[in-house]
Amino acid sequence: MGSDTATADFAGGFARPIIGIADPSTDGYSSATTAGLCAGYYWNSETSSITKEASLEIGYTKWTYRGDVEGYGVRAKEEYLPVMLNLRAHFPLGKELERVRFYFGPSLGLAQARGSIKVSDGEDTYSGSVSDWSFCFGGTAGFVFQLTDKIDLDVGFRLLRLEGSDFDVEGYSVESETSTTKIWYAGLGYRF
């Protein structure tokens, strides 16, 4: 099977559940498990061996924070529900690896940020919460392994920038930091 034939095998729609590990750049935040669902379409041109992908991805990630800020005990939880558009270019790796493709491309979209915070000075506890939409963007790179004619294994890395949120706690504004998050993920896709 030549690379042109292998590339043609990848044309069509797909759906892929995804799981991963997210590591935010913000100090004090925990790593988190992330999950999502991606669906989209692969297409080819007759003049190129590169397969293109356009997909929509919906995910969920939750971080927690515990620490001291200026003498106050702080416990916070942030949840992100990103809705991302992915555009990727898939490159065949030659005749010997015709069932494997390398890909990279941008991701952009919106994320609903939900957060809650509790601040304690040792005697009193104050709390607040917020829910807001913010812009997010990043890039992905990885490999797709064609396991069968219809099943793929996608293993990749995403660098994602998530805007921070402002919390109002008893009249004081507390801002969470904008985070550049590293996400390692895997997904098992079904092509139709």
N, C-alpha and C. Protein backbone atom coordinates (compact mmCIF):
# COMPACT_ATOMS: atom_id res chain seq x y z
N MET A 1 0.86 -1.19 0.00
CA MET A 1 0.00 0.00 0.00
C MET A 1 0.90 1.23 0.00
N GLY A 2 0.84 2.10 -0.99
CA GLY A 2 1.64 3.31 -1.07
C GLY A 2 1.09 4.42 -0.21
N SER A 3 1.86 5.51 -0.08
CA SER A 3 1.42 6.60 0.80
C SER A 3 0.17 7.29 0.27
N ASP A 4 -0.03 7.38 -1.06
CA ASP A 4 -1.25 7.99 -1.58
C ASP A 4 -2.48 7.18 -1.20
N THR A 5 -2.38 5.84 -1.27
CA THR A 5 -3.50 4.99 -0.89
C THR A 5 -3.76 5.07 0.59
N ALA A 6 -2.68 5.08 1.42
CA ALA A 6 -2.84 5.17 2.87
C ALA A 6 -3.50 6.49 3.25
N THR A 7 -3.13 7.58 2.57
CA THR A 7 -3.72 8.87 2.86
C THR A 7 -5.22 8.87 2.55
N ALA A 8 -5.61 8.26 1.43
CA ALA A 8 -7.03 8.22 1.05
C ALA A 8 -7.85 7.48 2.08
N ASP A 9 -7.26 6.48 2.76
CA ASP A 9 -7.98 5.71 3.78
C ASP A 9 -8.44 6.58 4.95
N PHE A 10 -7.84 7.74 5.16
CA PHE A 10 -8.15 8.57 6.31
C PHE A 10 -9.23 9.61 6.03
N ALA A 11 -9.75 9.69 4.81
CA ALA A 11 -10.77 10.68 4.49
C ALA A 11 -12.11 10.26 5.11
N GLY A 12 -12.88 11.25 5.60
CA GLY A 12 -14.20 10.98 6.16
C GLY A 12 -14.35 11.55 7.56
N GLY A 13 -15.51 11.28 8.15
CA GLY A 13 -15.80 11.79 9.48
C GLY A 13 -15.24 10.91 10.57
N PHE A 14 -15.16 11.46 11.80
CA PHE A 14 -14.68 10.69 12.94
C PHE A 14 -15.25 11.27 14.24
N ALA A 15 -15.24 10.44 15.27
CA ALA A 15 -15.57 10.85 16.64
C ALA A 15 -14.54 10.21 17.55
N ARG A 16 -14.06 10.98 18.56
CA ARG A 16 -12.98 10.49 19.41
C ARG A 16 -13.14 10.99 20.85
N PRO A 17 -13.42 10.10 21.81
CA PRO A 17 -13.33 10.51 23.21
C PRO A 17 -11.85 10.66 23.58
N ILE A 18 -11.57 11.61 24.48
CA ILE A 18 -10.19 11.94 24.84
C ILE A 18 -10.05 11.99 26.36
N ILE A 19 -8.92 11.49 26.86
CA ILE A 19 -8.56 11.68 28.26
C ILE A 19 -7.14 12.22 28.29
N GLY A 20 -6.78 12.90 29.39
CA GLY A 20 -5.44 13.45 29.45
C GLY A 20 -5.08 13.95 30.83
N ILE A 21 -3.85 14.44 30.93
CA ILE A 21 -3.32 15.06 32.14
C ILE A 21 -2.98 16.50 31.80
N ALA A 22 -3.51 17.44 32.60
CA ALA A 22 -3.25 18.86 32.38
C ALA A 22 -2.36 19.39 33.51
N ASP A 23 -1.34 20.13 33.14
CA ASP A 23 -0.40 20.70 34.10
C ASP A 23 -0.36 22.21 33.89
N PRO A 24 -1.02 22.99 34.78
CA PRO A 24 -1.03 24.44 34.61
C PRO A 24 0.31 25.06 34.99
N SER A 25 0.60 26.22 34.42
CA SER A 25 1.84 26.93 34.73
C SER A 25 1.74 27.74 36.01
N THR A 26 0.56 27.83 36.60
CA THR A 26 0.33 28.65 37.77
C THR A 26 0.84 27.96 39.03
N ASP A 27 1.65 28.66 39.85
CA ASP A 27 2.19 28.09 41.08
C ASP A 27 1.07 27.71 42.04
N GLY A 28 1.22 26.55 42.68
CA GLY A 28 0.28 26.11 43.69
C GLY A 28 -0.89 25.32 43.17
N TYR A 29 -1.12 25.33 41.89
CA TYR A 29 -2.24 24.58 41.32
C TYR A 29 -1.83 23.13 41.11
N SER A 30 -2.79 22.24 41.29
CA SER A 30 -2.54 20.82 41.09
C SER A 30 -2.61 20.48 39.61
N SER A 31 -1.99 19.35 39.25
CA SER A 31 -2.24 18.78 37.93
C SER A 31 -3.66 18.24 37.93
N ALA A 32 -4.23 18.05 36.78
CA ALA A 32 -5.62 17.64 36.72
C ALA A 32 -5.82 16.62 35.61
N THR A 33 -6.86 15.83 35.77
CA THR A 33 -7.30 14.95 34.69
C THR A 33 -8.25 15.74 33.82
N THR A 34 -8.14 15.55 32.54
CA THR A 34 -9.02 16.24 31.61
C THR A 34 -9.71 15.19 30.73
N ALA A 35 -10.91 15.48 30.32
CA ALA A 35 -11.67 14.57 29.47
C ALA A 35 -12.45 15.38 28.45
N GLY A 36 -12.74 14.76 27.33
CA GLY A 36 -13.49 15.48 26.31
C GLY A 36 -13.95 14.59 25.18
N LEU A 37 -14.59 15.23 24.23
CA LEU A 37 -15.07 14.54 23.03
C LEU A 37 -14.73 15.41 21.83
N CYS A 38 -14.16 14.80 20.81
CA CYS A 38 -13.77 15.49 19.60
C CYS A 38 -14.48 14.82 18.42
N ALA A 39 -15.01 15.62 17.51
CA ALA A 39 -15.65 15.09 16.30
C ALA A 39 -15.29 16.01 15.14
N GLY A 40 -15.06 15.42 13.98
CA GLY A 40 -14.68 16.25 12.85
C GLY A 40 -14.62 15.48 11.55
N TYR A 41 -13.82 16.04 10.64
CA TYR A 41 -13.74 15.50 9.29
C TYR A 41 -12.31 15.57 8.78
N TYR A 42 -11.84 14.49 8.14
CA TYR A 42 -10.57 14.45 7.43
C TYR A 42 -10.84 14.59 5.93
N TRP A 43 -9.96 15.29 5.22
CA TRP A 43 -10.07 15.33 3.77
C TRP A 43 -8.68 15.42 3.14
N ASN A 44 -8.62 15.02 1.88
CA ASN A 44 -7.37 15.00 1.12
C ASN A 44 -7.56 15.75 -0.19
N SER A 45 -6.43 16.06 -0.82
CA SER A 45 -6.49 16.55 -2.20
C SER A 45 -5.72 15.56 -3.06
N GLU A 46 -6.01 15.53 -4.32
CA GLU A 46 -5.35 14.59 -5.21
C GLU A 46 -3.89 14.95 -5.45
N THR A 47 -3.51 16.19 -5.16
CA THR A 47 -2.15 16.65 -5.44
C THR A 47 -1.22 16.61 -4.23
N SER A 48 -1.71 16.18 -3.08
CA SER A 48 -0.89 16.21 -1.87
C SER A 48 -1.12 14.96 -1.03
N SER A 49 -0.09 14.50 -0.34
CA SER A 49 -0.23 13.35 0.56
C SER A 49 -0.62 13.80 1.97
N ILE A 50 -0.76 15.11 2.18
CA ILE A 50 -1.11 15.65 3.49
C ILE A 50 -2.63 15.58 3.68
N THR A 51 -3.05 14.98 4.78
CA THR A 51 -4.47 14.93 5.14
C THR A 51 -4.77 16.12 6.03
N LYS A 52 -5.88 16.79 5.78
CA LYS A 52 -6.31 17.92 6.61
C LYS A 52 -7.42 17.48 7.54
N GLU A 53 -7.51 18.13 8.69
CA GLU A 53 -8.55 17.83 9.68
C GLU A 53 -9.15 19.13 10.20
N ALA A 54 -10.46 19.16 10.30
CA ALA A 54 -11.18 20.22 11.00
C ALA A 54 -12.06 19.50 12.01
N SER A 55 -11.96 19.91 13.29
CA SER A 55 -12.74 19.23 14.32
C SER A 55 -13.19 20.19 15.40
N LEU A 56 -14.25 19.80 16.07
CA LEU A 56 -14.77 20.54 17.21
C LEU A 56 -14.56 19.67 18.44
N GLU A 57 -14.03 20.27 19.48
CA GLU A 57 -13.70 19.52 20.70
C GLU A 57 -14.32 20.21 21.91
N ILE A 58 -14.94 19.42 22.76
CA ILE A 58 -15.52 19.90 24.00
C ILE A 58 -14.84 19.15 25.13
N GLY A 59 -14.38 19.85 26.16
CA GLY A 59 -13.64 19.21 27.23
C GLY A 59 -14.05 19.66 28.62
N TYR A 60 -13.40 19.08 29.62
CA TYR A 60 -13.62 19.43 31.03
C TYR A 60 -12.32 19.22 31.79
N THR A 61 -11.91 20.23 32.55
CA THR A 61 -10.73 20.16 33.40
C THR A 61 -11.02 20.88 34.71
N LYS A 62 -10.52 20.33 35.82
CA LYS A 62 -10.70 20.97 37.13
C LYS A 62 -9.37 21.02 37.86
N TRP A 63 -9.03 22.21 38.40
CA TRP A 63 -7.84 22.39 39.22
C TRP A 63 -8.25 22.80 40.62
N THR A 64 -7.39 22.48 41.57
CA THR A 64 -7.58 22.95 42.94
C THR A 64 -6.31 23.67 43.38
N TYR A 65 -6.48 24.59 44.33
CA TYR A 65 -5.36 25.34 44.89
C TYR A 65 -5.55 25.42 46.40
N ARG A 66 -4.49 25.17 47.14
CA ARG A 66 -4.48 25.38 48.59
C ARG A 66 -3.17 26.05 48.93
N GLY A 67 -3.24 27.12 49.67
CA GLY A 67 -2.01 27.81 50.04
C GLY A 67 -2.31 29.05 50.87
N ASP A 68 -1.25 29.80 51.12
CA ASP A 68 -1.35 31.05 51.87
C ASP A 68 -1.03 32.20 50.94
N VAL A 69 -1.86 33.24 51.03
CA VAL A 69 -1.64 34.46 50.26
C VAL A 69 -1.72 35.62 51.25
N GLU A 70 -0.57 36.28 51.45
CA GLU A 70 -0.48 37.43 52.35
C GLU A 70 -1.09 37.14 53.73
N GLY A 71 -0.79 35.96 54.28
CA GLY A 71 -1.25 35.61 55.62
C GLY A 71 -2.64 35.01 55.69
N TYR A 72 -3.32 34.89 54.60
CA TYR A 72 -4.66 34.31 54.56
C TYR A 72 -4.58 32.89 53.98
N GLY A 73 -5.34 31.98 54.56
CA GLY A 73 -5.46 30.64 54.00
C GLY A 73 -6.44 30.67 52.84
N VAL A 74 -6.01 30.16 51.71
CA VAL A 74 -6.84 30.22 50.51
C VAL A 74 -7.05 28.80 49.97
N ARG A 75 -8.30 28.47 49.69
CA ARG A 75 -8.66 27.23 48.98
C ARG A 75 -9.49 27.64 47.78
N ALA A 76 -9.08 27.17 46.61
CA ALA A 76 -9.79 27.56 45.39
C ALA A 76 -9.98 26.34 44.49
N LYS A 77 -11.03 26.40 43.69
CA LYS A 77 -11.31 25.37 42.69
C LYS A 77 -11.68 26.11 41.41
N GLU A 78 -11.05 25.71 40.30
CA GLU A 78 -11.40 26.26 38.99
C GLU A 78 -11.72 25.11 38.05
N GLU A 79 -12.81 25.27 37.31
CA GLU A 79 -13.22 24.29 36.31
C GLU A 79 -13.29 25.00 34.96
N TYR A 80 -12.79 24.33 33.94
CA TYR A 80 -12.83 24.89 32.59
C TYR A 80 -13.55 23.92 31.68
N LEU A 81 -14.46 24.46 30.89
CA LEU A 81 -15.18 23.69 29.87
C LEU A 81 -14.89 24.33 28.51
N PRO A 82 -13.75 23.97 27.88
CA PRO A 82 -13.42 24.59 26.60
C PRO A 82 -14.21 23.99 25.44
N VAL A 83 -14.54 24.85 24.49
CA VAL A 83 -15.13 24.46 23.21
C VAL A 83 -14.16 24.97 22.15
N MET A 84 -13.44 24.03 21.52
CA MET A 84 -12.31 24.40 20.66
C MET A 84 -12.53 23.95 19.22
N LEU A 85 -12.06 24.76 18.29
CA LEU A 85 -11.96 24.38 16.89
C LEU A 85 -10.51 24.00 16.63
N ASN A 86 -10.27 22.80 16.14
CA ASN A 86 -8.93 22.33 15.81
C ASN A 86 -8.77 22.25 14.30
N LEU A 87 -7.67 22.75 13.80
CA LEU A 87 -7.30 22.60 12.40
C LEU A 87 -5.94 21.93 12.40
N ARG A 88 -5.83 20.78 11.75
CA ARG A 88 -4.58 20.02 11.80
C ARG A 88 -4.19 19.56 10.41
N ALA A 89 -2.88 19.46 10.20
CA ALA A 89 -2.32 18.87 8.99
C ALA A 89 -1.65 17.56 9.41
N HIS A 90 -2.02 16.46 8.75
CA HIS A 90 -1.49 15.12 9.05
C HIS A 90 -0.51 14.72 7.95
N PHE A 91 0.67 14.28 8.36
CA PHE A 91 1.72 13.91 7.42
C PHE A 91 2.01 12.42 7.50
N PRO A 92 1.96 11.71 6.37
CA PRO A 92 2.33 10.29 6.38
C PRO A 92 3.82 10.15 6.67
N LEU A 93 4.19 9.05 7.32
CA LEU A 93 5.59 8.85 7.70
C LEU A 93 6.32 7.86 6.80
N GLY A 94 5.81 7.65 5.60
CA GLY A 94 6.49 6.79 4.63
C GLY A 94 5.87 5.42 4.54
N LYS A 95 6.35 4.66 3.58
CA LYS A 95 5.79 3.35 3.29
C LYS A 95 5.93 2.38 4.45
N GLU A 96 7.05 2.44 5.19
CA GLU A 96 7.28 1.53 6.31
C GLU A 96 6.30 1.79 7.46
N LEU A 97 5.88 3.02 7.61
CA LEU A 97 4.97 3.40 8.70
C LEU A 97 3.67 3.97 8.14
N GLU A 98 3.10 3.32 7.14
CA GLU A 98 1.94 3.87 6.44
C GLU A 98 0.69 3.97 7.31
N ARG A 99 0.66 3.29 8.45
CA ARG A 99 -0.51 3.36 9.34
C ARG A 99 -0.30 4.37 10.47
N VAL A 100 0.76 5.18 10.36
CA VAL A 100 1.06 6.19 11.38
C VAL A 100 1.17 7.55 10.68
N ARG A 101 0.57 8.57 11.30
CA ARG A 101 0.67 9.94 10.78
C ARG A 101 1.10 10.88 11.90
N PHE A 102 1.94 11.83 11.57
CA PHE A 102 2.30 12.93 12.48
C PHE A 102 1.40 14.11 12.15
N TYR A 103 0.91 14.83 13.16
CA TYR A 103 0.08 16.00 12.90
C TYR A 103 0.47 17.17 13.79
N PHE A 104 0.12 18.36 13.33
CA PHE A 104 0.22 19.55 14.17
C PHE A 104 -0.78 20.58 13.64
N GLY A 105 -1.12 21.55 14.50
CA GLY A 105 -2.03 22.60 14.07
C GLY A 105 -2.53 23.43 15.24
N PRO A 106 -3.21 24.53 14.92
CA PRO A 106 -3.73 25.43 15.96
C PRO A 106 -5.08 24.97 16.51
N SER A 107 -5.37 25.45 17.71
CA SER A 107 -6.68 25.27 18.35
C SER A 107 -7.11 26.63 18.89
N LEU A 108 -8.38 26.96 18.74
CA LEU A 108 -8.88 28.19 19.33
C LEU A 108 -10.36 28.03 19.65
N GLY A 109 -10.80 28.81 20.62
CA GLY A 109 -12.20 28.72 21.01
C GLY A 109 -12.52 29.52 22.24
N LEU A 110 -13.54 29.09 22.94
CA LEU A 110 -13.99 29.72 24.17
C LEU A 110 -14.00 28.68 25.28
N ALA A 111 -13.77 29.15 26.51
CA ALA A 111 -13.84 28.25 27.66
C ALA A 111 -14.73 28.89 28.71
N GLN A 112 -15.66 28.10 29.23
CA GLN A 112 -16.42 28.58 30.37
C GLN A 112 -15.59 28.29 31.60
N ALA A 113 -15.25 29.34 32.33
CA ALA A 113 -14.48 29.20 33.56
C ALA A 113 -15.46 29.33 34.73
N ARG A 114 -15.44 28.32 35.60
CA ARG A 114 -16.24 28.37 36.82
C ARG A 114 -15.27 28.22 37.98
N GLY A 115 -15.42 29.06 38.96
CA GLY A 115 -14.50 28.98 40.07
C GLY A 115 -15.16 29.31 41.38
N SER A 116 -14.57 28.79 42.44
CA SER A 116 -14.99 29.14 43.79
C SER A 116 -13.74 29.31 44.64
N ILE A 117 -13.86 30.16 45.64
CA ILE A 117 -12.71 30.46 46.50
C ILE A 117 -13.20 30.65 47.94
N LYS A 118 -12.39 30.15 48.87
CA LYS A 118 -12.63 30.37 50.30
C LYS A 118 -11.36 30.95 50.88
N VAL A 119 -11.51 32.05 51.62
CA VAL A 119 -10.38 32.73 52.23
C VAL A 119 -10.63 32.79 53.73
N SER A 120 -9.62 32.40 54.51
CA SER A 120 -9.76 32.40 55.96
C SER A 120 -8.61 33.18 56.59
N ASP A 121 -8.96 34.00 57.58
CA ASP A 121 -7.92 34.71 58.33
C ASP A 121 -7.66 34.05 59.68
N GLY A 122 -8.15 32.84 59.85
CA GLY A 122 -7.98 32.11 61.10
C GLY A 122 -9.22 32.15 61.97
N GLU A 123 -9.99 33.22 61.89
CA GLU A 123 -11.21 33.35 62.68
C GLU A 123 -12.46 33.30 61.79
N ASP A 124 -12.42 34.05 60.71
CA ASP A 124 -13.57 34.13 59.81
C ASP A 124 -13.21 33.53 58.45
N THR A 125 -14.24 33.00 57.79
CA THR A 125 -14.06 32.46 56.44
C THR A 125 -14.98 33.21 55.49
N TYR A 126 -14.41 33.62 54.36
CA TYR A 126 -15.15 34.34 53.34
C TYR A 126 -15.11 33.51 52.06
N SER A 127 -16.17 33.60 51.27
CA SER A 127 -16.19 32.81 50.04
C SER A 127 -16.82 33.58 48.90
N GLY A 128 -16.52 33.14 47.70
CA GLY A 128 -17.09 33.74 46.51
C GLY A 128 -17.00 32.77 45.36
N SER A 129 -17.73 33.06 44.29
CA SER A 129 -17.68 32.20 43.11
C SER A 129 -17.91 33.05 41.87
N VAL A 130 -17.55 32.48 40.72
CA VAL A 130 -17.69 33.19 39.45
C VAL A 130 -17.90 32.15 38.34
N SER A 131 -18.59 32.57 37.32
CA SER A 131 -18.74 31.78 36.10
C SER A 131 -18.67 32.77 34.94
N ASP A 132 -17.75 32.52 34.01
CA ASP A 132 -17.54 33.47 32.92
C ASP A 132 -16.97 32.74 31.71
N TRP A 133 -17.16 33.30 30.53
CA TRP A 133 -16.59 32.77 29.31
C TRP A 133 -15.35 33.57 28.95
N SER A 134 -14.30 32.89 28.48
CA SER A 134 -13.09 33.59 28.06
C SER A 134 -12.52 32.93 26.81
N PHE A 135 -11.69 33.66 26.11
CA PHE A 135 -11.05 33.18 24.89
C PHE A 135 -9.89 32.25 25.28
N CYS A 136 -9.69 31.18 24.53
CA CYS A 136 -8.54 30.30 24.74
C CYS A 136 -7.97 29.91 23.38
N PHE A 137 -6.67 29.68 23.36
CA PHE A 137 -6.03 29.28 22.11
C PHE A 137 -4.78 28.46 22.42
N GLY A 138 -4.31 27.74 21.42
CA GLY A 138 -3.11 26.94 21.63
C GLY A 138 -2.73 26.20 20.36
N GLY A 139 -1.89 25.21 20.55
CA GLY A 139 -1.44 24.39 19.45
C GLY A 139 -1.34 22.94 19.87
N THR A 140 -1.46 22.03 18.90
CA THR A 140 -1.37 20.61 19.18
C THR A 140 -0.36 19.96 18.24
N ALA A 141 0.22 18.87 18.71
CA ALA A 141 1.09 18.03 17.89
C ALA A 141 0.97 16.61 18.42
N GLY A 142 1.06 15.63 17.54
CA GLY A 142 0.97 14.25 17.99
C GLY A 142 1.02 13.26 16.85
N PHE A 143 0.65 12.04 17.19
CA PHE A 143 0.65 10.95 16.23
C PHE A 143 -0.70 10.25 16.26
N VAL A 144 -1.15 9.82 15.08
CA VAL A 144 -2.35 9.00 14.95
C VAL A 144 -1.89 7.64 14.42
N PHE A 145 -2.27 6.59 15.14
CA PHE A 145 -1.95 5.22 14.76
C PHE A 145 -3.24 4.56 14.27
N GLN A 146 -3.25 4.10 13.03
CA GLN A 146 -4.42 3.42 12.48
C GLN A 146 -4.37 1.97 12.96
N LEU A 147 -5.22 1.62 13.95
CA LEU A 147 -5.24 0.29 14.53
C LEU A 147 -6.00 -0.70 13.65
N THR A 148 -7.13 -0.27 13.10
CA THR A 148 -7.92 -1.08 12.16
C THR A 148 -8.39 -0.14 11.06
N ASP A 149 -9.23 -0.62 10.17
CA ASP A 149 -9.76 0.24 9.11
C ASP A 149 -10.65 1.35 9.65
N LYS A 150 -11.20 1.19 10.84
CA LYS A 150 -12.12 2.18 11.40
C LYS A 150 -11.67 2.78 12.74
N ILE A 151 -10.67 2.21 13.41
CA ILE A 151 -10.26 2.64 14.75
C ILE A 151 -8.86 3.24 14.71
N ASP A 152 -8.70 4.44 15.30
CA ASP A 152 -7.41 5.13 15.41
C ASP A 152 -7.07 5.38 16.88
N LEU A 153 -5.79 5.39 17.20
CA LEU A 153 -5.29 5.84 18.50
C LEU A 153 -4.58 7.15 18.27
N ASP A 154 -5.03 8.21 18.94
CA ASP A 154 -4.45 9.54 18.83
C ASP A 154 -3.71 9.83 20.14
N VAL A 155 -2.41 10.12 20.06
CA VAL A 155 -1.59 10.44 21.23
C VAL A 155 -0.92 11.77 20.93
N GLY A 156 -1.12 12.76 21.82
CA GLY A 156 -0.57 14.06 21.51
C GLY A 156 -0.33 14.97 22.69
N PHE A 157 0.12 16.17 22.36
CA PHE A 157 0.45 17.22 23.33
C PHE A 157 -0.21 18.51 22.87
N ARG A 158 -0.79 19.25 23.82
CA ARG A 158 -1.39 20.55 23.52
C ARG A 158 -0.84 21.57 24.51
N LEU A 159 -0.50 22.73 24.00
CA LEU A 159 -0.18 23.88 24.82
C LEU A 159 -1.36 24.81 24.69
N LEU A 160 -2.05 25.10 25.80
CA LEU A 160 -3.30 25.84 25.77
C LEU A 160 -3.22 27.04 26.71
N ARG A 161 -3.56 28.20 26.22
CA ARG A 161 -3.57 29.42 27.03
C ARG A 161 -5.01 29.70 27.46
N LEU A 162 -5.22 29.73 28.77
CA LEU A 162 -6.53 30.00 29.36
C LEU A 162 -6.46 31.31 30.13
N GLU A 163 -7.39 32.20 29.84
CA GLU A 163 -7.44 33.47 30.54
C GLU A 163 -7.90 33.27 31.99
N GLY A 164 -7.37 34.07 32.92
CA GLY A 164 -7.75 33.99 34.32
C GLY A 164 -9.13 34.59 34.57
N SER A 165 -9.60 34.46 35.81
CA SER A 165 -10.92 34.96 36.20
C SER A 165 -10.79 35.88 37.40
N ASP A 166 -11.76 36.76 37.58
CA ASP A 166 -11.82 37.63 38.76
C ASP A 166 -12.91 37.12 39.70
N PHE A 167 -12.56 36.95 40.97
CA PHE A 167 -13.52 36.52 42.00
C PHE A 167 -13.82 37.71 42.90
N ASP A 168 -15.06 37.86 43.29
CA ASP A 168 -15.44 38.90 44.25
C ASP A 168 -15.71 38.23 45.60
N VAL A 169 -14.87 38.53 46.59
CA VAL A 169 -15.00 37.95 47.92
C VAL A 169 -15.20 39.08 48.92
N GLU A 170 -16.43 39.19 49.40
CA GLU A 170 -16.77 40.21 50.42
C GLU A 170 -16.30 41.60 50.00
N GLY A 171 -16.52 41.95 48.73
CA GLY A 171 -16.17 43.27 48.25
C GLY A 171 -14.75 43.42 47.74
N TYR A 172 -13.93 42.39 47.88
CA TYR A 172 -12.56 42.44 47.39
C TYR A 172 -12.46 41.61 46.12
N SER A 173 -11.70 42.11 45.17
CA SER A 173 -11.51 41.39 43.92
C SER A 173 -10.25 40.53 44.01
N VAL A 174 -10.39 39.25 43.72
CA VAL A 174 -9.27 38.31 43.70
C VAL A 174 -9.16 37.79 42.27
N GLU A 175 -7.97 37.92 41.68
CA GLU A 175 -7.79 37.52 40.29
C GLU A 175 -6.98 36.24 40.20
N SER A 176 -7.48 35.25 39.46
CA SER A 176 -6.68 34.06 39.18
C SER A 176 -5.81 34.37 37.96
N GLU A 177 -4.66 33.74 37.91
CA GLU A 177 -3.70 34.04 36.85
C GLU A 177 -4.11 33.41 35.52
N THR A 178 -3.72 34.07 34.43
CA THR A 178 -3.82 33.47 33.12
C THR A 178 -2.81 32.33 33.09
N SER A 179 -3.22 31.20 32.55
CA SER A 179 -2.39 30.00 32.62
C SER A 179 -2.08 29.48 31.22
N THR A 180 -0.83 29.11 31.01
CA THR A 180 -0.46 28.35 29.83
C THR A 180 -0.35 26.91 30.30
N THR A 181 -1.27 26.09 29.88
CA THR A 181 -1.40 24.73 30.38
C THR A 181 -0.84 23.72 29.39
N LYS A 182 -0.05 22.78 29.92
CA LYS A 182 0.48 21.68 29.10
C LYS A 182 -0.45 20.49 29.29
N ILE A 183 -0.93 19.93 28.19
CA ILE A 183 -1.86 18.81 28.25
C ILE A 183 -1.33 17.65 27.41
N TRP A 184 -1.12 16.51 28.05
CA TRP A 184 -0.80 15.26 27.35
C TRP A 184 -2.09 14.48 27.25
N TYR A 185 -2.44 14.00 26.06
CA TYR A 185 -3.74 13.35 25.90
C TYR A 185 -3.65 12.13 25.00
N ALA A 186 -4.69 11.31 25.10
CA ALA A 186 -4.84 10.14 24.22
C ALA A 186 -6.33 9.98 23.94
N GLY A 187 -6.63 9.51 22.75
CA GLY A 187 -8.02 9.28 22.38
C GLY A 187 -8.14 8.11 21.42
N LEU A 188 -9.23 7.42 21.52
CA LEU A 188 -9.50 6.30 20.64
C LEU A 188 -10.63 6.72 19.70
N GLY A 189 -10.32 6.89 18.43
CA GLY A 189 -11.28 7.44 17.48
C GLY A 189 -11.92 6.39 16.59
N TYR A 190 -13.14 6.66 16.21
CA TYR A 190 -13.87 5.82 15.27
C TYR A 190 -14.12 6.62 14.00
N ARG A 191 -13.66 6.11 12.86
CA ARG A 191 -13.85 6.77 11.57
C ARG A 191 -15.07 6.18 10.86
N PHE A 192 -15.87 7.05 10.25
CA PHE A 192 -17.06 6.59 9.52
C PHE A 192 -17.16 7.26 8.17
